[in-house]
Amino acid sequence: MPEIGEPTLDQLRVLASIADAGSFSAAARKLRRAQSVISYTMTNLEAVLGVALFDRSGRTPVLTDAGGALLADARRVALRVDELRARAMALRQGTEVEVALAVDVMFPIPRLTTVLRDFAAAYPTVGLRLRMEAIGGVAQLVVDRTCSLGVCGWAGDLPDVLRRRAIGELMLIPVAAPSHPLAALDPVPSGAVREHTQLVLSDASRLTEGRDFGVLSLRTWRLGDLGAKHALLVAGLGWGNMPGHLVADDIRAGRLTRLKLAEAGDYVYPLSLVHRADVQPGPAATWLGERLSLEHYQPDWIVPIEPAA
């Protein structure tokens, strides 16, 4: 049995074009080649592979079983080569191979998914590593060079190595389940919350070590996951501050009650885009950073950043 040869990329593309166009002549017109060249290319490919790819006994060529099976492989090879070329072009233009993005857990997920869907379309060859972190966790990942770009919600002083640009603000509101004792108080008297367990979001970064944010109660449960905090609030296991956009549906449906605290109420949670000052973000990271702004995104309890004058 003769040895199977090595097909060329052009032969594989011609095979796919014939299958898509439905005939040798239509493929010739599509590829702007003479029909004789198309036929010659397929004859050579069949010789290289040692199998008949088309049944030419009728008026139009029909893929044989072998041709149909190998067509899928031909498409896959051509696609991978196209991806390789696109990646090489991106590298030649300075586009990153991968963007590592850290995002504060408070950031609206619908907005994030929309931006990332557009990112995948705009930069199909660029990989993405996404981390969701709380409070100082985002800034820590950027400081440590684990991520090149961050959406940070921590309002404290950032290390000098980071550059910050405001991209919007969220409103955090105190809530509890309707069954919680605080839900029956309107307003909640000063000092009353101190006797009830407060669910507090925390992180393990060195930047916020030993610091509390928005803690009013003497008793706290500290959680590293916003989803877990939300679930415990709905279950009536404590009260806590949550981003308004995340609990708006719960309040409307009666699963959570917005608390009116005499000593503290809603407060603004600023969001900033951060990156290291000594690393210039590449084209893909810059594209992401520009679109993560909340300037044109205004559901409940989201305050867009005012544009610069």
C-alpha atoms as a PDB file:
ATOM      1  CA  MET A   1       0.000   0.000   0.000  1.00  0.00           C
ATOM      2  CA  PRO A   2       1.490   3.377  -1.008  1.00  0.00           C
ATOM      3  CA  GLU A   3       2.394   5.781   1.771  1.00  0.00           C
ATOM      4  CA  ILE A   4       0.014   8.683   2.444  1.00  0.00           C
ATOM      5  CA  GLY A   5       1.523  12.015   1.492  1.00  0.00           C
ATOM      6  CA  GLU A   6       1.219  15.408   3.095  1.00  0.00           C
ATOM      7  CA  PRO A   7      -1.574  17.644   1.763  1.00  0.00           C
ATOM      8  CA  THR A   8      -1.030  21.360   1.374  1.00  0.00           C
ATOM      9  CA  LEU A   9      -3.109  23.994   3.107  1.00  0.00           C
ATOM     10  CA  ASP A  10      -4.293  25.237  -0.284  1.00  0.00           C
ATOM     11  CA  GLN A  11      -5.585  21.791  -1.202  1.00  0.00           C
ATOM     12  CA  LEU A  12      -7.552  21.598   2.037  1.00  0.00           C
ATOM     13  CA  ARG A  13      -9.048  25.041   1.468  1.00  0.00           C
ATOM     14  CA  VAL A  14     -10.068  24.087  -2.076  1.00  0.00           C
ATOM     15  CA  LEU A  15     -11.725  20.933  -0.747  1.00  0.00           C
ATOM     16  CA  ALA A  16     -13.764  23.003   1.706  1.00  0.00           C
ATOM     17  CA  SER A  17     -14.647  25.552  -0.990  1.00  0.00           C
ATOM     18  CA  ILE A  18     -16.001  22.865  -3.331  1.00  0.00           C
ATOM     19  CA  ALA A  19     -18.096  21.384  -0.539  1.00  0.00           C
ATOM     20  CA  ASP A  20     -19.464  24.830   0.373  1.00  0.00           C
ATOM     21  CA  ALA A  21     -20.093  25.984  -3.197  1.00  0.00           C
ATOM     22  CA  GLY A  22     -21.592  22.679  -4.389  1.00  0.00           C
ATOM     23  CA  SER A  23     -19.550  22.236  -7.547  1.00  0.00           C
ATOM     24  CA  PHE A  24     -16.087  22.617  -9.007  1.00  0.00           C
ATOM     25  CA  SER A  25     -17.224  25.478 -11.241  1.00  0.00           C
ATOM     26  CA  ALA A  26     -18.840  27.420  -8.384  1.00  0.00           C
ATOM     27  CA  ALA A  27     -15.714  26.941  -6.268  1.00  0.00           C
ATOM     28  CA  ALA A  28     -13.607  28.204  -9.181  1.00  0.00           C
ATOM     29  CA  ARG A  29     -15.680  31.371  -9.381  1.00  0.00           C
ATOM     30  CA  LYS A  30     -15.495  31.872  -5.627  1.00  0.00           C
ATOM     31  CA  LEU A  31     -11.712  31.411  -5.578  1.00  0.00           C
ATOM     32  CA  ARG A  32     -11.240  33.262  -8.871  1.00  0.00           C
ATOM     33  CA  ARG A  33      -9.405  30.375 -10.459  1.00  0.00           C
ATOM     34  CA  ALA A  34      -9.902  28.365 -13.600  1.00  0.00           C
ATOM     35  CA  GLN A  35     -12.086  25.287 -13.169  1.00  0.00           C
ATOM     36  CA  SER A  36      -9.269  23.156 -14.576  1.00  0.00           C
ATOM     37  CA  VAL A  37      -7.025  24.357 -11.722  1.00  0.00           C
ATOM     38  CA  ILE A  38      -9.645  23.367  -9.159  1.00  0.00           C
ATOM     39  CA  SER A  39     -10.044  19.919 -10.710  1.00  0.00           C
ATOM     40  CA  TYR A  40      -6.276  19.454 -10.894  1.00  0.00           C
ATOM     41  CA  THR A  41      -5.903  20.464  -7.229  1.00  0.00           C
ATOM     42  CA  MET A  42      -8.487  17.904  -6.112  1.00  0.00           C
ATOM     43  CA  THR A  43      -6.987  15.162  -8.274  1.00  0.00           C
ATOM     44  CA  ASN A  44      -3.615  15.795  -6.657  1.00  0.00           C
ATOM     45  CA  LEU A  45      -5.147  15.808  -3.151  1.00  0.00           C
ATOM     46  CA  GLU A  46      -6.871  12.476  -3.813  1.00  0.00           C
ATOM     47  CA  ALA A  47      -3.551  11.077  -5.006  1.00  0.00           C
ATOM     48  CA  VAL A  48      -1.763  12.359  -1.906  1.00  0.00           C
ATOM     49  CA  LEU A  49      -4.362  10.886   0.470  1.00  0.00           C
ATOM     50  CA  GLY A  50      -4.968   7.728  -1.529  1.00  0.00           C
ATOM     51  CA  VAL A  51      -8.782   8.000  -1.383  1.00  0.00           C
ATOM     52  CA  ALA A  52     -11.505   9.337  -3.669  1.00  0.00           C
ATOM     53  CA  LEU A  53     -12.975  12.504  -2.173  1.00  0.00           C
ATOM     54  CA  PHE A  54     -15.700  13.129  -4.757  1.00  0.00           C
ATOM     55  CA  ASP A  55     -17.963  10.927  -6.838  1.00  0.00           C
ATOM     56  CA  ARG A  56     -17.826  12.545 -10.271  1.00  0.00           C
ATOM     57  CA  SER A  57     -20.250  10.153 -12.031  1.00  0.00           C
ATOM     58  CA  GLY A  58     -23.183  12.612 -11.921  1.00  0.00           C
ATOM     59  CA  ARG A  59     -23.676  16.124 -13.205  1.00  0.00           C
ATOM     60  CA  THR A  60     -22.198  17.574 -10.032  1.00  0.00           C
ATOM     61  CA  PRO A  61     -19.503  16.092  -7.811  1.00  0.00           C
ATOM     62  CA  VAL A  62     -20.744  14.506  -4.589  1.00  0.00           C
ATOM     63  CA  LEU A  63     -18.582  13.934  -1.537  1.00  0.00           C
ATOM     64  CA  THR A  64     -17.787  10.287  -0.911  1.00  0.00           C
ATOM     65  CA  ASP A  65     -17.972   8.894   2.608  1.00  0.00           C
ATOM     66  CA  ALA A  66     -14.201   9.320   2.852  1.00  0.00           C
ATOM     67  CA  GLY A  67     -14.484  12.862   1.509  1.00  0.00           C
ATOM     68  CA  GLY A  68     -17.123  13.775   4.061  1.00  0.00           C
ATOM     69  CA  ALA A  69     -15.052  12.361   6.903  1.00  0.00           C
ATOM     70  CA  LEU A  70     -11.878  14.173   5.801  1.00  0.00           C
ATOM     71  CA  LEU A  71     -13.702  17.440   5.111  1.00  0.00           C
ATOM     72  CA  ALA A  72     -14.190  18.056   8.834  1.00  0.00           C
ATOM     73  CA  ASP A  73     -10.472  17.541   9.408  1.00  0.00           C
ATOM     74  CA  ALA A  74      -9.650  19.867   6.527  1.00  0.00           C
ATOM     75  CA  ARG A  75     -11.818  22.608   7.998  1.00  0.00           C
ATOM     76  CA  ARG A  76     -10.277  22.150  11.427  1.00  0.00           C
ATOM     77  CA  VAL A  77      -6.720  22.377  10.077  1.00  0.00           C
ATOM     78  CA  ALA A  78      -7.538  25.480   8.027  1.00  0.00           C
ATOM     79  CA  LEU A  79      -9.198  27.113  11.042  1.00  0.00           C
ATOM     80  CA  ARG A  80      -6.180  26.483  13.273  1.00  0.00           C
ATOM     81  CA  VAL A  81      -3.883  27.967  10.667  1.00  0.00           C
ATOM     82  CA  ASP A  82      -6.141  31.023  10.435  1.00  0.00           C
ATOM     83  CA  GLU A  83      -5.990  31.359  14.224  1.00  0.00           C
ATOM     84  CA  LEU A  84      -2.198  31.060  14.150  1.00  0.00           C
ATOM     85  CA  ARG A  85      -1.958  33.792  11.524  1.00  0.00           C
ATOM     86  CA  ALA A  86      -4.323  36.054  13.454  1.00  0.00           C
ATOM     87  CA  ARG A  87      -2.313  35.573  16.639  1.00  0.00           C
ATOM     88  CA  ALA A  88       0.930  36.297  14.811  1.00  0.00           C
ATOM     89  CA  MET A  89      -0.589  39.469  13.350  1.00  0.00           C
ATOM     90  CA  ALA A  90      -1.756  40.553  16.797  1.00  0.00           C
ATOM     91  CA  LEU A  91       1.709  39.957  18.246  1.00  0.00           C
ATOM     92  CA  ARG A  92       3.284  41.905  15.405  1.00  0.00           C
ATOM     93  CA  GLN A  93       0.952  44.809  16.207  1.00  0.00           C
ATOM     94  CA  GLY A  94       1.776  44.609  19.913  1.00  0.00           C
ATOM     95  CA  THR A  95      -1.479  43.004  21.068  1.00  0.00           C
ATOM     96  CA  GLU A  96      -1.212  40.866  24.188  1.00  0.00           C
ATOM     97  CA  VAL A  97      -1.391  37.084  24.107  1.00  0.00           C
ATOM     98  CA  GLU A  98      -3.498  37.203  27.280  1.00  0.00           C
ATOM     99  CA  VAL A  99      -5.107  39.793  29.551  1.00  0.00           C
ATOM    100  CA  ALA A 100      -5.337  39.090  33.280  1.00  0.00           C
ATOM    101  CA  LEU A 101      -8.251  41.049  34.757  1.00  0.00           C
ATOM    102  CA  ALA A 102      -9.274  41.350  38.404  1.00  0.00           C
ATOM    103  CA  VAL A 103     -12.765  42.682  39.153  1.00  0.00           C
ATOM    104  CA  ASP A 104     -14.361  43.689  42.432  1.00  0.00           C
ATOM    105  CA  VAL A 105     -17.201  41.342  43.411  1.00  0.00           C
ATOM    106  CA  MET A 106     -19.533  44.332  43.735  1.00  0.00           C
ATOM    107  CA  PHE A 107     -19.234  45.162  40.030  1.00  0.00           C
ATOM    108  CA  PRO A 108     -22.504  44.518  38.127  1.00  0.00           C
ATOM    109  CA  ILE A 109     -22.195  41.107  36.479  1.00  0.00           C
ATOM    110  CA  PRO A 110     -24.571  41.937  33.581  1.00  0.00           C
ATOM    111  CA  ARG A 111     -22.293  44.832  32.650  1.00  0.00           C
ATOM    112  CA  LEU A 112     -19.197  42.641  32.947  1.00  0.00           C
ATOM    113  CA  THR A 113     -20.614  39.868  30.748  1.00  0.00           C
ATOM    114  CA  THR A 114     -21.617  42.387  28.075  1.00  0.00           C
ATOM    115  CA  VAL A 115     -18.126  43.889  28.000  1.00  0.00           C
ATOM    116  CA  LEU A 116     -16.444  40.479  27.899  1.00  0.00           C
ATOM    117  CA  ARG A 117     -18.749  39.296  25.094  1.00  0.00           C
ATOM    118  CA  ASP A 118     -17.686  42.333  23.055  1.00  0.00           C
ATOM    119  CA  PHE A 119     -14.054  41.713  24.026  1.00  0.00           C
ATOM    120  CA  ALA A 120     -14.208  38.154  22.680  1.00  0.00           C
ATOM    121  CA  ALA A 121     -15.483  39.495  19.362  1.00  0.00           C
ATOM    122  CA  ALA A 122     -12.947  42.325  19.158  1.00  0.00           C
ATOM    123  CA  TYR A 123      -9.924  40.251  20.263  1.00  0.00           C
ATOM    124  CA  PRO A 124     -10.681  36.605  19.415  1.00  0.00           C
ATOM    125  CA  THR A 125      -7.028  35.557  19.688  1.00  0.00           C
ATOM    126  CA  VAL A 126      -6.397  37.133  23.107  1.00  0.00           C
ATOM    127  CA  GLY A 127      -6.847  34.882  26.124  1.00  0.00           C
ATOM    128  CA  LEU A 128      -8.463  36.120  29.331  1.00  0.00           C
ATOM    129  CA  ARG A 129      -7.845  35.293  32.973  1.00  0.00           C
ATOM    130  CA  LEU A 130     -10.587  36.696  35.210  1.00  0.00           C
ATOM    131  CA  ARG A 131     -10.404  36.964  39.009  1.00  0.00           C
ATOM    132  CA  MET A 132     -13.253  38.206  41.206  1.00  0.00           C
ATOM    133  CA  GLU A 133     -12.038  39.628  44.505  1.00  0.00           C
ATOM    134  CA  ALA A 134     -13.322  41.748  47.397  1.00  0.00           C
ATOM    135  CA  ILE A 135     -12.153  45.096  48.800  1.00  0.00           C
ATOM    136  CA  GLY A 136      -8.333  45.238  48.588  1.00  0.00           C
ATOM    137  CA  GLY A 137      -7.964  41.912  46.814  1.00  0.00           C
ATOM    138  CA  VAL A 138      -8.103  43.473  43.365  1.00  0.00           C
ATOM    139  CA  ALA A 139      -5.415  46.044  44.105  1.00  0.00           C
ATOM    140  CA  GLN A 140      -3.219  43.345  45.660  1.00  0.00           C
ATOM    141  CA  LEU A 141      -3.382  41.204  42.501  1.00  0.00           C
ATOM    142  CA  VAL A 142      -2.329  44.168  40.360  1.00  0.00           C
ATOM    143  CA  VAL A 143       0.459  45.149  42.767  1.00  0.00           C
ATOM    144  CA  ASP A 144       1.762  41.570  42.700  1.00  0.00           C
ATOM    145  CA  ARG A 145       1.603  41.527  38.852  1.00  0.00           C
ATOM    146  CA  THR A 146      -0.793  38.580  38.957  1.00  0.00           C
ATOM    147  CA  CYS A 147      -3.236  40.741  36.982  1.00  0.00           C
ATOM    148  CA  SER A 148      -2.403  43.593  34.655  1.00  0.00           C
ATOM    149  CA  LEU A 149      -5.711  45.409  35.060  1.00  0.00           C
ATOM    150  CA  GLY A 150      -8.176  45.744  37.894  1.00  0.00           C
ATOM    151  CA  VAL A 151     -11.603  47.167  38.687  1.00  0.00           C
ATOM    152  CA  CYS A 152     -11.071  48.113  42.301  1.00  0.00           C
ATOM    153  CA  GLY A 153     -13.722  49.125  44.815  1.00  0.00           C
ATOM    154  CA  TRP A 154     -11.434  49.935  47.706  1.00  0.00           C
ATOM    155  CA  ALA A 155     -11.468  53.659  48.479  1.00  0.00           C
ATOM    156  CA  GLY A 156      -8.381  53.610  50.700  1.00  0.00           C
ATOM    157  CA  ASP A 157      -4.937  54.856  49.837  1.00  0.00           C
ATOM    158  CA  LEU A 158      -3.417  52.759  47.092  1.00  0.00           C
ATOM    159  CA  PRO A 159       0.285  51.922  46.864  1.00  0.00           C
ATOM    160  CA  ASP A 160       2.279  54.464  44.863  1.00  0.00           C
ATOM    161  CA  VAL A 161       2.979  51.838  42.219  1.00  0.00           C
ATOM    162  CA  LEU A 162      -0.681  51.873  41.136  1.00  0.00           C
ATOM    163  CA  ARG A 163      -2.504  54.369  38.958  1.00  0.00           C
ATOM    164  CA  ARG A 164      -6.237  54.849  39.526  1.00  0.00           C
ATOM    165  CA  ARG A 165      -9.024  56.224  37.305  1.00  0.00           C
ATOM    166  CA  ALA A 166     -12.595  56.578  38.589  1.00  0.00           C
ATOM    167  CA  ILE A 167     -15.136  54.677  36.465  1.00  0.00           C
ATOM    168  CA  GLY A 168     -18.339  54.968  38.519  1.00  0.00           C
ATOM    169  CA  GLU A 169     -19.991  54.456  41.875  1.00  0.00           C
ATOM    170  CA  LEU A 170     -22.345  51.917  43.409  1.00  0.00           C
ATOM    171  CA  MET A 171     -24.771  52.493  46.249  1.00  0.00           C
ATOM    172  CA  LEU A 172     -24.483  50.063  49.160  1.00  0.00           C
ATOM    173  CA  ILE A 173     -27.618  49.741  51.255  1.00  0.00           C
ATOM    174  CA  PRO A 174     -28.280  47.996  54.583  1.00  0.00           C
ATOM    175  CA  VAL A 175     -30.701  45.063  54.265  1.00  0.00           C
ATOM    176  CA  ALA A 176     -32.072  42.145  56.255  1.00  0.00           C
ATOM    177  CA  ALA A 177     -34.680  39.429  55.745  1.00  0.00           C
ATOM    178  CA  PRO A 178     -38.278  40.392  56.612  1.00  0.00           C
ATOM    179  CA  SER A 179     -38.127  37.895  59.485  1.00  0.00           C
ATOM    180  CA  HIS A 180     -35.104  39.618  61.035  1.00  0.00           C
ATOM    181  CA  PRO A 181     -35.858  41.732  64.186  1.00  0.00           C
ATOM    182  CA  LEU A 182     -34.348  44.858  62.607  1.00  0.00           C
ATOM    183  CA  ALA A 183     -36.787  44.666  59.680  1.00  0.00           C
ATOM    184  CA  ALA A 184     -39.682  45.542  62.001  1.00  0.00           C
ATOM    185  CA  LEU A 185     -38.060  48.830  63.089  1.00  0.00           C
ATOM    186  CA  ASP A 186     -38.700  51.973  61.029  1.00  0.00           C
ATOM    187  CA  PRO A 187     -36.342  53.647  61.491  1.00  0.00           C
ATOM    188  CA  VAL A 188     -33.811  51.463  63.276  1.00  0.00           C
ATOM    189  CA  PRO A 189     -32.860  53.420  66.454  1.00  0.00           C
ATOM    190  CA  SER A 190     -29.268  54.476  66.967  1.00  0.00           C
ATOM    191  CA  GLY A 191     -27.243  51.672  68.511  1.00  0.00           C
ATOM    192  CA  ALA A 192     -29.816  48.938  67.811  1.00  0.00           C
ATOM    193  CA  VAL A 193     -27.732  47.282  65.103  1.00  0.00           C
ATOM    194  CA  ARG A 194     -24.833  46.794  67.508  1.00  0.00           C
ATOM    195  CA  GLU A 195     -26.642  43.898  69.169  1.00  0.00           C
ATOM    196  CA  HIS A 196     -27.368  42.006  65.946  1.00  0.00           C
ATOM    197  CA  THR A 197     -24.952  39.954  63.891  1.00  0.00           C
ATOM    198  CA  GLN A 198     -23.616  41.866  60.909  1.00  0.00           C
ATOM    199  CA  LEU A 199     -22.532  39.919  57.834  1.00  0.00           C
ATOM    200  CA  VAL A 200     -19.302  41.508  56.621  1.00  0.00           C
ATOM    201  CA  LEU A 201     -17.463  40.925  53.365  1.00  0.00           C
ATOM    202  CA  SER A 202     -13.726  40.541  53.892  1.00  0.00           C
ATOM    203  CA  ASP A 203     -10.625  39.663  51.919  1.00  0.00           C
ATOM    204  CA  ALA A 204      -7.193  38.255  52.645  1.00  0.00           C
ATOM    205  CA  SER A 205      -5.071  40.949  51.004  1.00  0.00           C
ATOM    206  CA  ARG A 206      -2.208  42.581  52.856  1.00  0.00           C
ATOM    207  CA  LEU A 207      -3.562  46.014  51.908  1.00  0.00           C
ATOM    208  CA  THR A 208      -6.657  45.697  54.121  1.00  0.00           C
ATOM    209  CA  GLU A 209      -5.271  43.471  56.855  1.00  0.00           C
ATOM    210  CA  GLY A 210      -6.691  44.424  60.256  1.00  0.00           C
ATOM    211  CA  ARG A 211      -9.095  47.020  58.841  1.00  0.00           C
ATOM    212  CA  ASP A 212     -12.897  47.125  58.933  1.00  0.00           C
ATOM    213  CA  PHE A 213     -15.201  48.865  56.478  1.00  0.00           C
ATOM    214  CA  GLY A 214     -18.776  49.811  57.361  1.00  0.00           C
ATOM    215  CA  VAL A 215     -18.849  47.618  60.484  1.00  0.00           C
ATOM    216  CA  LEU A 216     -21.345  48.820  63.110  1.00  0.00           C
ATOM    217  CA  SER A 217     -22.174  45.655  65.049  1.00  0.00           C
ATOM    218  CA  LEU A 218     -20.305  44.168  67.975  1.00  0.00           C
ATOM    219  CA  ARG A 219     -20.929  40.704  66.541  1.00  0.00           C
ATOM    220  CA  THR A 220     -19.865  39.877  63.003  1.00  0.00           C
ATOM    221  CA  TRP A 221     -19.712  36.965  60.629  1.00  0.00           C
ATOM    222  CA  ARG A 222     -16.936  37.549  58.096  1.00  0.00           C
ATOM    223  CA  LEU A 223     -17.361  36.103  54.634  1.00  0.00           C
ATOM    224  CA  GLY A 224     -15.070  36.009  51.622  1.00  0.00           C
ATOM    225  CA  ASP A 225     -17.843  35.422  49.093  1.00  0.00           C
ATOM    226  CA  LEU A 226     -20.546  37.920  48.139  1.00  0.00           C
ATOM    227  CA  GLY A 227     -22.904  35.169  46.961  1.00  0.00           C
ATOM    228  CA  ALA A 228     -22.670  33.461  50.340  1.00  0.00           C
ATOM    229  CA  LYS A 229     -23.353  36.765  52.102  1.00  0.00           C
ATOM    230  CA  HIS A 230     -26.421  37.289  49.953  1.00  0.00           C
ATOM    231  CA  ALA A 231     -27.727  33.793  50.719  1.00  0.00           C
ATOM    232  CA  LEU A 232     -27.232  34.230  54.469  1.00  0.00           C
ATOM    233  CA  LEU A 233     -29.010  37.580  54.408  1.00  0.00           C
ATOM    234  CA  VAL A 234     -32.033  36.076  52.647  1.00  0.00           C
ATOM    235  CA  ALA A 235     -31.976  33.240  55.195  1.00  0.00           C
ATOM    236  CA  GLY A 236     -32.271  35.786  58.021  1.00  0.00           C
ATOM    237  CA  LEU A 237     -28.906  34.984  59.602  1.00  0.00           C
ATOM    238  CA  GLY A 238     -27.850  38.599  59.971  1.00  0.00           C
ATOM    239  CA  TRP A 239     -27.999  42.066  58.442  1.00  0.00           C
ATOM    240  CA  GLY A 240     -25.482  43.699  56.159  1.00  0.00           C
ATOM    241  CA  ASN A 241     -24.683  46.187  53.443  1.00  0.00           C
ATOM    242  CA  MET A 242     -25.172  45.042  49.856  1.00  0.00           C
ATOM    243  CA  PRO A 243     -24.872  46.704  46.441  1.00  0.00           C
ATOM    244  CA  GLY A 244     -28.322  48.062  45.611  1.00  0.00           C
ATOM    245  CA  HIS A 245     -28.352  46.663  42.081  1.00  0.00           C
ATOM    246  CA  LEU A 246     -27.792  43.152  43.435  1.00  0.00           C
ATOM    247  CA  VAL A 247     -30.671  43.169  45.939  1.00  0.00           C
ATOM    248  CA  ALA A 248     -33.186  45.350  44.065  1.00  0.00           C
ATOM    249  CA  ASP A 249     -35.195  42.331  42.919  1.00  0.00           C
ATOM    250  CA  ASP A 250     -35.072  40.818  46.415  1.00  0.00           C
ATOM    251  CA  ILE A 251     -36.489  44.011  47.919  1.00  0.00           C
ATOM    252  CA  ARG A 252     -39.264  44.204  45.319  1.00  0.00           C
ATOM    253  CA  ALA A 253     -40.110  40.528  45.852  1.00  0.00           C
ATOM    254  CA  GLY A 254     -40.098  40.840  49.635  1.00  0.00           C
ATOM    255  CA  ARG A 255     -37.139  38.508  50.204  1.00  0.00           C
ATOM    256  CA  LEU A 256     -35.138  41.346  51.773  1.00  0.00           C
ATOM    257  CA  THR A 257     -36.061  44.569  53.546  1.00  0.00           C
ATOM    258  CA  ARG A 258     -34.193  47.822  53.156  1.00  0.00           C
ATOM    259  CA  LEU A 259     -33.213  49.041  56.628  1.00  0.00           C
ATOM    260  CA  LYS A 260     -33.455  52.678  57.630  1.00  0.00           C
ATOM    261  CA  LEU A 261     -30.613  53.107  60.081  1.00  0.00           C
ATOM    262  CA  ALA A 262     -30.595  56.207  62.284  1.00  0.00           C
ATOM    263  CA  GLU A 263     -26.802  56.203  62.608  1.00  0.00           C
ATOM    264  CA  ALA A 264     -25.848  55.260  59.042  1.00  0.00           C
ATOM    265  CA  GLY A 265     -27.597  54.649  55.780  1.00  0.00           C
ATOM    266  CA  ASP A 266     -26.727  54.110  52.165  1.00  0.00           C
ATOM    267  CA  TYR A 267     -23.166  54.881  51.246  1.00  0.00           C
ATOM    268  CA  VAL A 268     -21.267  55.294  48.035  1.00  0.00           C
ATOM    269  CA  TYR A 269     -18.900  52.553  46.904  1.00  0.00           C
ATOM    270  CA  PRO A 270     -16.486  54.047  44.350  1.00  0.00           C
ATOM    271  CA  LEU A 271     -15.075  51.924  41.545  1.00  0.00           C
ATOM    272  CA  SER A 272     -11.735  52.632  39.919  1.00  0.00           C
ATOM    273  CA  LEU A 273      -9.699  51.158  37.117  1.00  0.00           C
ATOM    274  CA  VAL A 274      -6.180  50.386  38.349  1.00  0.00           C
ATOM    275  CA  HIS A 275      -2.927  49.273  36.748  1.00  0.00           C
ATOM    276  CA  ARG A 276       0.723  49.425  37.665  1.00  0.00           C
ATOM    277  CA  ALA A 277       2.393  52.707  36.801  1.00  0.00           C
ATOM    278  CA  ASP A 278       5.471  50.915  35.500  1.00  0.00           C
ATOM    279  CA  VAL A 279       3.506  48.752  33.039  1.00  0.00           C
ATOM    280  CA  GLN A 280       1.700  50.282  30.090  1.00  0.00           C
ATOM    281  CA  PRO A 281      -1.490  48.304  29.325  1.00  0.00           C
ATOM    282  CA  GLY A 282      -1.524  46.779  25.843  1.00  0.00           C
ATOM    283  CA  PRO A 283      -4.197  47.404  23.204  1.00  0.00           C
ATOM    284  CA  ALA A 284      -6.558  44.678  24.440  1.00  0.00           C
ATOM    285  CA  ALA A 285      -6.274  45.712  28.109  1.00  0.00           C
ATOM    286  CA  THR A 286      -6.755  49.360  27.149  1.00  0.00           C
ATOM    287  CA  TRP A 287      -9.866  48.417  25.157  1.00  0.00           C
ATOM    288  CA  LEU A 288     -11.246  46.582  28.192  1.00  0.00           C
ATOM    289  CA  GLY A 289     -10.506  49.434  30.544  1.00  0.00           C
ATOM    290  CA  GLU A 290     -12.318  51.961  28.388  1.00  0.00           C
ATOM    291  CA  ARG A 291     -15.489  49.852  28.269  1.00  0.00           C
ATOM    292  CA  LEU A 292     -15.670  48.864  31.922  1.00  0.00           C
ATOM    293  CA  SER A 293     -16.789  52.375  32.854  1.00  0.00           C
ATOM    294  CA  LEU A 294     -20.303  52.698  34.283  1.00  0.00           C
ATOM    295  CA  GLU A 295     -20.808  56.058  32.551  1.00  0.00           C
ATOM    296  CA  HIS A 296     -23.619  54.746  30.328  1.00  0.00           C
ATOM    297  CA  TYR A 297     -24.861  51.964  32.624  1.00  0.00           C
ATOM    298  CA  GLN A 298     -27.529  53.122  35.073  1.00  0.00           C
ATOM    299  CA  PRO A 299     -29.763  50.443  36.606  1.00  0.00           C
ATOM    300  CA  ASP A 300     -30.971  50.769  40.199  1.00  0.00           C
ATOM    301  CA  TRP A 301     -28.472  52.221  42.679  1.00  0.00           C
ATOM    302  CA  ILE A 302     -25.658  52.759  40.199  1.00  0.00           C
ATOM    303  CA  VAL A 303     -24.191  56.244  39.876  1.00  0.00           C
ATOM    304  CA  PRO A 304     -22.120  56.811  36.719  1.00  0.00           C
ATOM    305  CA  ILE A 305     -18.967  58.849  37.024  1.00  0.00           C
ATOM    306  CA  GLU A 306     -19.312  62.384  35.782  1.00  0.00           C
ATOM    307  CA  PRO A 307     -17.348  62.907  32.555  1.00  0.00           C
ATOM    308  CA  ALA A 308     -14.338  65.181  32.800  1.00  0.00           C
ATOM    309  CA  ALA A 309     -15.037  68.806  31.920  1.00  0.00           C
END
